């Protein structure tokens, strides 16, 4: 199966340090093929690729896909993590040249005890662990390619696309919705490692992208960091809900904004269409991908009685994951899967009359207090409406007289005089009593996962 388009030979992949034209990729692959052959690394040997947003990492990743290797994609900062028992070799990227003998280190693991992986070529990805212990999600290369084709079609990517990627390609948003779809049509791509607003603006000036993939948090960072207009043809956002008002402000300065909804297990489930009106794209995520079926389970425990049209989003698709494993390659049963092939996303949402999906928040990012639903996102929005609050996150913690306890963590501006007591008092003016946090904690910065989402597990340890 060919993941790489050869129809745009002069277009480039770059990381700001090194650059490679599409026409140069076959020669680089020949070097990698020779490198692997010398070390007797075979397609059926399980591999771990320590992957970051660098050109050498991206080229090795593409080589493994093009040549049908079984491999686990791992974040480079986790290269000390115990590898799964089905992975014989670990591939570490440790230089910036494009010579495999200089940038690639192969480590054979003595802990490897399982027989070589067989059958259809597989890509393995770990879940983020934002809500529990990470699992290994198994995707076939064929299904990954099917997911790619859905994204190309929905987002209108082409060889004329110049894509900036400040989101990690070690996660399925950056990889399956951004990088691989772009490569499959021969688009130019700028891979950005650990992007902040200063480095992003510098790279933007050098690369001149017309398309960018980012998280909602980075959207807000860009709104704060640049006050003048700079229209893109397309911005794709995924990971969390956009805060109220962000969509309109962003489009006014930066052009067409499309929301995408997906997961490590199911890939890109739904996305807006750039050709839709701004009103439609602001209203909800978008239509399900052509191979996706959606239903809403209105009996979900977290849904309150006064939201009869809302429930947990379940989906079934042709290009979803194959299996779920632990580190020993033991098959794990997923509570949110059923015998008919439906997968429960653990997201609350509703299907609108036009077929669009509206995502309200995570099931585990909501609780019942006084017998009614409290969405963490609603509490966070109220906190963020307070002048001087720069960011906020809410978690369930302990118990209270209203039910489960509700804690809020806020980052305030340097010149703010707000303290925890004042913030909680202001919540009474903005929220029903059941949604007022039992405790507000001021912190220097919200902990983030590598994919840009808030690390809510870390928040549970603050203030103990």
Protein backbone atom coordinates (compact mmCIF):
# COMPACT_ATOMS: atom_id res chain seq x y z
CA UNK A 1 0.00 0.00 0.00
CA UNK A 2 1.42 3.38 -1.03
CA UNK A 3 0.96 6.24 1.40
CA UNK A 4 3.13 8.75 -0.49
CA UNK A 5 2.02 10.73 -3.54
CA UNK A 6 4.69 11.07 -6.24
CA UNK A 7 2.75 13.57 -8.37
CA UNK A 8 4.21 16.72 -6.77
CA UNK A 9 7.99 16.09 -6.89
CA UNK A 10 9.09 19.64 -6.07
CA UNK A 11 6.88 20.01 -2.99
CA UNK A 12 8.67 19.56 0.34
CA UNK A 13 8.58 18.12 3.82
CA UNK A 14 10.49 20.25 6.33
CA UNK A 15 11.03 20.75 10.04
CA UNK A 16 12.72 24.14 9.75
CA UNK A 17 16.17 22.53 10.01
CA UNK A 18 16.21 20.00 7.18
CA UNK A 19 14.11 19.87 4.01
CA UNK A 20 13.30 17.01 1.65
CA UNK A 21 11.57 17.14 -1.74
CA UNK A 22 9.14 14.38 -2.65
CA UNK A 23 11.41 13.46 -5.56
CA UNK A 24 14.22 12.74 -3.06
CA UNK A 25 12.19 10.33 -0.90
CA UNK A 26 12.84 7.15 -2.98
CA UNK A 27 16.61 7.54 -2.62
CA UNK A 28 16.26 8.06 1.14
CA UNK A 29 14.05 4.98 1.38
CA UNK A 30 16.70 2.97 -0.48
CA UNK A 31 19.23 3.99 2.20
CA UNK A 32 16.81 2.99 4.96
CA UNK A 33 16.12 -0.33 3.26
CA UNK A 34 19.86 -1.07 3.12
CA UNK A 35 20.26 0.02 6.76
CA UNK A 36 17.49 -2.35 7.90
CA UNK A 37 18.76 -5.24 5.75
CA UNK A 38 22.25 -4.98 7.25
CA UNK A 39 20.73 -5.42 10.70
CA UNK A 40 18.29 -8.13 9.61
CA UNK A 41 15.28 -6.09 10.75
CA UNK A 42 12.25 -7.65 9.10
CA UNK A 43 8.69 -6.45 8.54
CA UNK A 44 7.30 -8.94 11.08
CA UNK A 45 9.70 -7.83 13.84
CA UNK A 46 7.77 -5.58 16.21
CA UNK A 47 9.34 -2.10 16.33
CA UNK A 48 9.00 0.97 18.54
CA UNK A 49 9.58 4.27 16.74
CA UNK A 50 10.40 7.18 19.03
CA UNK A 51 8.68 9.85 17.00
CA UNK A 52 8.73 13.62 17.21
CA UNK A 53 7.91 16.40 14.75
CA UNK A 54 11.25 16.18 12.96
CA UNK A 55 11.96 15.37 9.34
CA UNK A 56 14.07 12.25 10.11
CA UNK A 57 11.26 10.87 12.33
CA UNK A 58 8.66 11.57 9.65
CA UNK A 59 10.72 9.87 6.93
CA UNK A 60 11.28 6.74 9.02
CA UNK A 61 7.57 6.64 9.85
CA UNK A 62 6.67 6.87 6.15
CA UNK A 63 9.24 4.18 5.30
CA UNK A 64 7.74 1.77 7.85
CA UNK A 65 4.25 2.35 6.46
CA UNK A 66 5.29 2.06 2.81
CA UNK A 67 7.15 -1.20 3.46
CA UNK A 68 4.54 -2.84 5.69
CA UNK A 69 6.33 -2.97 9.05
CA UNK A 70 4.58 -3.68 12.34
CA UNK A 71 5.43 -0.78 14.66
CA UNK A 72 4.35 1.16 17.73
CA UNK A 73 4.44 4.94 17.47
CA UNK A 74 5.84 6.42 20.68
CA UNK A 75 6.53 9.96 21.81
CA UNK A 76 10.28 10.59 21.81
CA UNK A 77 10.19 11.91 25.38
CA UNK A 78 8.97 8.47 26.50
CA UNK A 79 11.90 6.53 25.03
CA UNK A 80 12.80 5.23 28.48
CA UNK A 81 9.37 3.67 28.81
CA UNK A 82 9.33 -0.14 29.01
CA UNK A 83 8.64 -1.36 25.45
CA UNK A 84 5.85 -3.86 24.82
CA UNK A 85 6.98 -7.48 24.78
CA UNK A 86 5.98 -7.82 21.13
CA UNK A 87 8.51 -5.15 20.08
CA UNK A 88 11.99 -6.50 19.37
CA UNK A 89 13.69 -3.27 18.29
CA UNK A 90 13.49 0.37 19.32
CA UNK A 91 14.30 3.03 16.74
CA UNK A 92 15.68 6.24 18.20
CA UNK A 93 16.14 9.42 16.17
CA UNK A 94 19.18 11.25 17.53
CA UNK A 95 20.49 13.63 14.87
CA UNK A 96 19.24 16.18 12.36
CA UNK A 97 20.96 14.93 9.19
CA UNK A 98 19.11 12.89 6.56
CA UNK A 99 21.66 10.06 6.55
CA UNK A 100 20.14 7.04 8.39
CA UNK A 101 23.58 5.97 9.59
CA UNK A 102 23.85 9.29 11.43
CA UNK A 103 20.34 9.90 12.71
CA UNK A 104 19.05 6.38 13.45
CA UNK A 105 19.99 4.19 16.42
CA UNK A 106 18.61 0.67 16.75
CA UNK A 107 18.31 -0.93 20.20
CA UNK A 108 17.43 -4.60 20.51
CA UNK A 109 15.43 -5.33 23.65
CA UNK A 110 16.37 -8.33 25.77
CA UNK A 111 12.85 -8.28 27.20
CA UNK A 112 11.43 -9.27 23.83
CA UNK A 113 9.83 -12.67 24.45
CA UNK A 114 7.04 -13.01 21.94
CA UNK A 115 7.13 -14.55 18.50
CA UNK A 116 7.32 -12.18 15.51
CA UNK A 117 4.09 -10.39 14.75
CA UNK A 118 2.22 -11.89 11.82
CA UNK A 119 -0.70 -11.18 9.54
CA UNK A 120 -1.75 -7.84 8.09
CA UNK A 121 0.67 -4.96 8.73
CA UNK A 122 -0.24 -3.06 11.90
CA UNK A 123 0.31 0.37 13.41
CA UNK A 124 0.09 0.49 17.22
CA UNK A 125 -0.70 3.66 19.15
CA UNK A 126 -0.99 4.30 22.88
CA UNK A 127 -3.99 6.15 24.22
CA UNK A 128 -3.17 9.44 25.96
CA UNK A 129 -3.96 8.18 29.45
CA UNK A 130 -5.85 11.39 30.23
CA UNK A 131 -8.59 9.42 32.00
CA UNK A 132 -6.78 6.25 33.08
CA UNK A 133 -4.04 3.76 32.28
CA UNK A 134 -2.90 3.99 28.63
CA UNK A 135 -3.82 1.13 26.30
CA UNK A 136 -2.33 0.06 22.98
CA UNK A 137 -4.73 0.51 20.09
CA UNK A 138 -4.11 -1.69 17.05
CA UNK A 139 -4.78 -0.30 13.56
CA UNK A 140 -4.19 -2.07 10.27
CA UNK A 141 -2.28 -0.10 7.65
CA UNK A 142 -5.24 -0.57 5.30
CA UNK A 143 -7.68 1.01 7.75
CA UNK A 144 -5.28 3.90 8.44
CA UNK A 145 -5.19 4.55 4.70
CA UNK A 146 -8.99 4.44 4.54
CA UNK A 147 -9.15 7.04 7.31
CA UNK A 148 -6.67 9.17 5.37
CA UNK A 149 -8.85 9.13 2.27
CA UNK A 150 -11.86 10.30 4.30
CA UNK A 151 -9.89 13.31 5.63
CA UNK A 152 -8.55 14.27 2.20
CA UNK A 153 -12.07 14.22 0.79
CA UNK A 154 -13.73 16.12 3.64
CA UNK A 155 -11.03 18.78 4.12
CA UNK A 156 -10.28 19.33 0.44
CA UNK A 157 -6.50 18.77 0.71
CA UNK A 158 -4.46 18.95 -2.51
CA UNK A 159 -0.88 19.35 -3.82
CA UNK A 160 -1.40 23.11 -3.43
CA UNK A 161 -1.86 22.71 0.34
CA UNK A 162 0.98 24.11 2.45
CA UNK A 163 0.32 22.64 5.89
CA UNK A 164 1.78 23.84 9.20
CA UNK A 165 1.68 21.10 11.87
CA UNK A 166 2.33 22.40 15.41
CA UNK A 167 0.52 19.28 16.73
CA UNK A 168 2.44 16.02 17.31
CA UNK A 169 2.46 13.34 14.61
CA UNK A 170 2.80 10.76 17.39
CA UNK A 171 -0.95 11.25 17.99
CA UNK A 172 -3.73 10.34 15.59
CA UNK A 173 -4.96 13.92 15.06
CA UNK A 174 -1.60 15.14 13.80
CA UNK A 175 -0.80 11.86 12.05
CA UNK A 176 -4.04 10.49 10.61
CA UNK A 177 -5.93 13.72 9.94
CA UNK A 178 -3.01 16.04 9.13
CA UNK A 179 0.37 14.61 8.14
CA UNK A 180 -0.55 11.40 6.30
CA UNK A 181 -3.47 12.92 4.35
CA UNK A 182 -1.17 15.78 3.30
CA UNK A 183 1.57 13.38 2.19
CA UNK A 184 -0.95 11.20 0.33
CA UNK A 185 -1.77 14.15 -1.98
CA UNK A 186 1.80 15.47 -2.21
CA UNK A 187 1.25 18.62 -0.16
CA UNK A 188 4.10 20.58 1.41
CA UNK A 189 4.27 20.11 5.19
CA UNK A 190 6.08 22.04 7.93
CA UNK A 191 6.57 19.84 11.02
CA UNK A 192 6.89 21.94 14.17
CA UNK A 193 8.33 20.46 17.35
CA UNK A 194 7.21 21.88 20.72
CA UNK A 195 5.67 24.87 18.99
CA UNK A 196 5.05 28.03 21.01
CA UNK A 197 3.67 31.29 19.68
CA UNK A 198 7.13 32.81 19.07
CA UNK A 199 8.53 29.83 17.16
CA UNK A 200 5.23 29.35 15.31
CA UNK A 201 5.17 32.93 14.01
CA UNK A 202 8.81 32.66 12.93
CA UNK A 203 8.17 29.43 11.05
CA UNK A 204 4.99 30.84 9.55
CA UNK A 205 6.97 33.69 8.01
CA UNK A 206 9.51 31.27 6.53
CA UNK A 207 7.11 28.58 5.29
CA UNK A 208 4.02 30.68 4.45
CA UNK A 209 1.36 28.00 5.16
CA UNK A 210 -2.18 28.19 3.83
CA UNK A 211 -3.44 25.39 6.11
CA UNK A 212 -2.79 24.74 9.80
CA UNK A 213 -3.80 22.04 12.30
CA UNK A 214 -3.98 23.09 15.95
CA UNK A 215 -5.66 22.59 19.30
CA UNK A 216 -8.27 25.00 20.76
CA UNK A 217 -5.66 26.13 23.30
CA UNK A 218 -3.28 27.06 20.48
CA UNK A 219 -6.13 28.90 18.72
CA UNK A 220 -6.49 31.11 21.76
CA UNK A 221 -2.73 31.55 22.00
CA UNK A 222 -2.64 32.74 18.40
CA UNK A 223 -5.50 35.17 19.06
CA UNK A 224 -3.51 36.66 21.96
CA UNK A 225 -0.17 36.61 20.12
CA UNK A 226 -1.25 38.27 16.89
CA UNK A 227 -3.66 41.16 16.67
CA UNK A 228 -3.49 41.70 12.90
CA UNK A 229 -5.32 39.62 10.31
CA UNK A 230 -3.52 36.79 8.51
CA UNK A 231 -6.05 34.66 6.61
CA UNK A 232 -5.43 30.96 6.00
CA UNK A 233 -7.39 28.91 3.51
CA UNK A 234 -8.13 26.42 6.29
CA UNK A 235 -7.56 25.89 10.01
CA UNK A 236 -8.49 22.49 11.48
CA UNK A 237 -9.05 22.25 15.24
CA UNK A 238 -9.50 19.14 17.38
CA UNK A 239 -8.92 17.90 20.92
CA UNK A 240 -11.40 19.89 23.03
CA UNK A 241 -14.39 22.15 22.63
CA UNK A 242 -13.78 25.70 21.48
CA UNK A 243 -14.61 28.25 24.13
CA UNK A 244 -17.59 30.48 23.50
CA UNK A 245 -16.70 33.33 21.16
CA UNK A 246 -13.37 31.88 19.99
CA UNK A 247 -14.74 30.62 16.64
CA UNK A 248 -16.04 34.04 15.60
CA UNK A 249 -12.90 35.90 16.72
CA UNK A 250 -10.61 33.41 15.02
CA UNK A 251 -12.45 33.46 11.68
CA UNK A 252 -12.50 37.27 11.66
CA UNK A 253 -8.68 37.33 11.77
CA UNK A 254 -7.53 34.04 10.27
CA UNK A 255 -10.22 32.74 7.92
CA UNK A 256 -12.04 29.42 7.57
CA UNK A 257 -12.07 27.32 10.75
CA UNK A 258 -13.19 23.68 10.69
CA UNK A 259 -13.70 21.48 13.74
CA UNK A 260 -12.74 17.80 13.66
CA UNK A 261 -13.84 15.09 16.08
CA UNK A 262 -12.10 11.77 16.55
CA UNK A 263 -10.28 9.39 18.88
CA UNK A 264 -7.23 7.13 19.00
CA UNK A 265 -9.54 4.16 18.53
CA UNK A 266 -11.73 5.41 15.68
CA UNK A 267 -9.62 8.01 13.88
CA UNK A 268 -11.46 10.97 12.38
CA UNK A 269 -15.14 10.39 13.19
CA UNK A 270 -16.60 13.67 11.94
CA UNK A 271 -15.46 17.02 10.57
CA UNK A 272 -16.87 20.19 9.14
CA UNK A 273 -16.66 20.97 5.44
CA UNK A 274 -14.67 24.10 4.47
CA UNK A 275 -17.34 24.81 1.85
CA UNK A 276 -20.08 25.02 4.49
CA UNK A 277 -21.21 28.40 5.75
CA UNK A 278 -19.55 29.91 8.79
CA UNK A 279 -22.84 29.56 10.67
CA UNK A 280 -22.92 25.80 10.07
CA UNK A 281 -19.26 25.33 11.00
CA UNK A 282 -19.70 27.30 14.21
CA UNK A 283 -22.85 25.43 15.20
CA UNK A 284 -21.33 21.97 15.63
CA UNK A 285 -18.48 19.65 14.67
CA UNK A 286 -19.82 18.58 11.27
CA UNK A 287 -21.13 15.53 9.47
CA UNK A 288 -19.85 12.01 10.24
CA UNK A 289 -17.27 10.68 7.78
CA UNK A 290 -18.90 8.68 4.92
CA UNK A 291 -18.02 5.31 6.51
CA UNK A 292 -19.23 6.29 10.00
CA UNK A 293 -22.60 5.52 11.58
CA UNK A 294 -23.61 7.49 14.69
CA UNK A 295 -26.18 6.90 17.41
CA UNK A 296 -26.80 8.68 20.71
CA UNK A 297 -27.48 6.61 23.84
CA UNK A 298 -29.93 8.73 25.84
CA UNK A 299 -29.87 6.29 28.77
CA UNK A 300 -26.28 7.21 29.69
CA UNK A 301 -26.09 7.71 33.44
CA UNK A 302 -24.50 11.15 33.20
CA UNK A 303 -27.35 12.61 31.11
CA UNK A 304 -29.94 14.45 33.16
CA UNK A 305 -33.69 14.16 32.62
CA UNK A 306 -34.05 17.64 31.16
CA UNK A 307 -31.77 16.87 28.19
CA UNK A 308 -33.81 14.25 26.32
CA UNK A 309 -31.96 14.76 23.01
CA UNK A 310 -28.48 14.30 24.51
CA UNK A 311 -26.55 11.17 25.35
CA UNK A 312 -23.32 9.29 24.87
CA UNK A 313 -22.06 9.24 21.29
CA UNK A 314 -21.60 5.74 19.86
CA UNK A 315 -20.14 5.07 16.44
CA UNK A 316 -19.44 2.25 14.04
CA UNK A 317 -17.06 2.55 11.12
CA UNK A 318 -15.23 0.57 8.51
CA UNK A 319 -11.87 2.21 9.23
CA UNK A 320 -11.79 2.00 13.03
CA UNK A 321 -9.33 0.12 15.21
CA UNK A 322 -8.79 -3.64 14.96
CA UNK A 323 -8.03 -4.58 18.58
CA UNK A 324 -6.90 -3.21 21.94
CA UNK A 325 -3.82 -4.67 23.70
CA UNK A 326 -1.83 -4.30 26.86
CA UNK A 327 1.99 -4.17 26.98
CA UNK A 328 2.19 -7.97 26.76
CA UNK A 329 0.04 -8.04 23.59
CA UNK A 330 -2.83 -9.52 25.58
CA UNK A 331 -6.21 -8.71 24.12
CA UNK A 332 -8.16 -6.26 26.27
CA UNK A 333 -11.90 -6.08 26.31
CA UNK A 334 -13.22 -2.53 26.08
CA UNK A 335 -16.29 -1.69 28.13
CA UNK A 336 -17.34 0.76 25.46
CA UNK A 337 -17.45 -1.83 22.65
CA UNK A 338 -20.31 -4.22 21.89
CA UNK A 339 -20.76 -7.35 19.81
CA UNK A 340 -22.37 -5.44 16.94
CA UNK A 341 -19.22 -3.38 16.38
CA UNK A 342 -20.42 -0.16 18.02
CA UNK A 343 -17.91 1.86 20.04
CA UNK A 344 -18.90 4.18 22.88
CA UNK A 345 -16.78 7.33 22.73
CA UNK A 346 -17.56 8.41 26.32
CA UNK A 347 -18.45 11.83 24.88
CA UNK A 348 -21.78 13.50 25.49
CA UNK A 349 -23.44 14.95 22.44
CA UNK A 350 -26.47 15.20 20.21
CA UNK A 351 -27.35 14.69 16.57
CA UNK A 352 -28.82 17.82 15.01
CA UNK A 353 -31.61 17.70 12.41
CA UNK A 354 -29.09 18.48 9.65
CA UNK A 355 -27.05 15.39 10.59
CA UNK A 356 -24.23 17.36 12.24
CA UNK A 357 -22.73 16.13 15.50
CA UNK A 358 -22.64 18.49 18.46
CA UNK A 359 -20.19 17.40 21.16
CA UNK A 360 -21.06 18.72 24.61
CA UNK A 361 -18.11 17.30 26.54
CA UNK A 362 -16.73 14.13 28.05
CA UNK A 363 -19.02 11.87 30.07
CA UNK A 364 -16.23 11.77 32.63
CA UNK A 365 -16.00 15.57 32.46
CA UNK A 366 -19.45 15.94 33.93
CA UNK A 367 -21.10 15.01 37.22
CA UNK A 368 -24.52 15.12 38.82
CA UNK A 369 -25.04 17.52 41.71
CA UNK A 370 -28.40 18.07 43.32
CA UNK A 371 -29.59 15.40 40.86
CA UNK A 372 -28.78 17.54 37.79
CA UNK A 373 -25.96 17.51 35.27
CA UNK A 374 -22.97 19.83 35.68
CA UNK A 375 -20.64 20.04 32.68
CA UNK A 376 -17.05 20.91 33.54
CA UNK A 377 -16.89 22.96 30.34
CA UNK A 378 -19.73 25.20 31.53
CA UNK A 379 -17.95 25.88 34.84
CA UNK A 380 -14.69 26.53 33.00
CA UNK A 381 -16.44 28.97 30.65
CA UNK A 382 -17.86 30.87 33.63
CA UNK A 383 -14.43 31.12 35.24
CA UNK A 384 -12.86 32.28 31.99
CA UNK A 385 -15.45 35.05 31.71
CA UNK A 386 -13.90 36.64 34.83
CA UNK A 387 -11.46 39.40 33.93
CA UNK A 388 -7.96 38.28 34.92
CA UNK A 389 -8.50 34.51 34.54
CA UNK A 390 -6.29 33.26 31.71
CA UNK A 391 -7.10 29.53 31.84
CA UNK A 392 -9.19 27.16 33.93
CA UNK A 393 -9.86 23.46 34.36
CA UNK A 394 -12.38 21.63 36.53
CA UNK A 395 -12.29 18.12 38.00
CA UNK A 396 -14.46 15.96 40.22
CA UNK A 397 -12.83 15.32 43.56
CA UNK A 398 -14.15 13.90 46.80
CA UNK A 399 -17.72 14.42 48.00
CA UNK A 400 -19.85 17.40 48.98
CA UNK A 401 -23.33 18.07 50.31
CA UNK A 402 -24.52 18.45 46.69
CA UNK A 403 -23.01 15.15 45.53
CA UNK A 404 -19.56 14.70 44.04
CA UNK A 405 -17.06 17.39 44.91
CA UNK A 406 -16.13 19.97 42.31
CA UNK A 407 -12.66 21.57 42.20
CA UNK A 408 -11.52 24.35 39.88
CA UNK A 409 -7.92 25.20 38.95
CA UNK A 410 -7.21 28.66 37.55
CA UNK A 411 -4.28 30.53 36.07
CA UNK A 412 -4.61 34.28 36.59
CA UNK A 413 -2.76 37.15 34.91
CA UNK A 414 0.31 38.61 36.59
CA UNK A 415 -1.41 41.91 37.33
CA UNK A 416 -4.56 40.31 38.76
CA UNK A 417 -5.52 40.78 42.40
CA UNK A 418 -7.85 37.79 42.36
CA UNK A 419 -7.51 35.11 44.99
CA UNK A 420 -9.28 31.78 45.43
CA UNK A 421 -12.01 33.20 47.65
CA UNK A 422 -12.81 36.05 45.26
CA UNK A 423 -12.98 33.69 42.28
CA UNK A 424 -15.41 31.37 44.05
CA UNK A 425 -17.59 34.30 45.09
CA UNK A 426 -17.78 35.54 41.50
CA UNK A 427 -18.94 32.07 40.41
CA UNK A 428 -22.19 32.55 42.36
CA UNK A 429 -23.00 35.43 39.98
CA UNK A 430 -22.41 33.30 36.88
CA UNK A 431 -23.49 29.75 37.73
CA UNK A 432 -26.37 27.89 39.38
CA UNK A 433 -25.49 26.92 42.94
CA UNK A 434 -25.01 23.26 42.04
CA UNK A 435 -22.24 24.24 39.56
CA UNK A 436 -20.26 26.52 41.89
CA UNK A 437 -16.91 24.83 42.66
CA UNK A 438 -16.42 23.65 46.24
CA UNK A 439 -12.84 24.79 46.02
CA UNK A 440 -10.87 27.05 43.66
CA UNK A 441 -7.09 26.64 43.46
CA UNK A 442 -4.82 29.18 41.76
CA UNK A 443 -1.83 27.59 39.98
CA UNK A 444 0.98 28.89 37.75
CA UNK A 445 0.07 26.83 34.67
CA UNK A 446 -2.27 24.03 33.70
CA UNK A 447 -0.48 20.70 33.18
CA UNK A 448 -0.79 19.52 29.57
CA UNK A 449 -0.44 16.19 27.84
CA UNK A 450 1.79 16.01 24.72
CA UNK A 451 -1.33 16.14 22.52
CA UNK A 452 -2.24 19.56 23.97
CA UNK A 453 -5.10 18.39 26.17
CA UNK A 454 -5.25 19.24 29.87
CA UNK A 455 -3.69 16.53 32.04
CA UNK A 456 -6.57 16.09 34.45
CA UNK A 457 -4.90 13.15 36.19
CA UNK A 458 -2.11 15.52 37.30
CA UNK A 459 -4.69 18.02 38.57
CA UNK A 460 -5.97 15.39 40.98
CA UNK A 461 -2.64 15.52 42.85
CA UNK A 462 -2.57 19.32 43.28
CA UNK A 463 -3.62 20.69 46.63
CA UNK A 464 -3.60 17.37 48.46
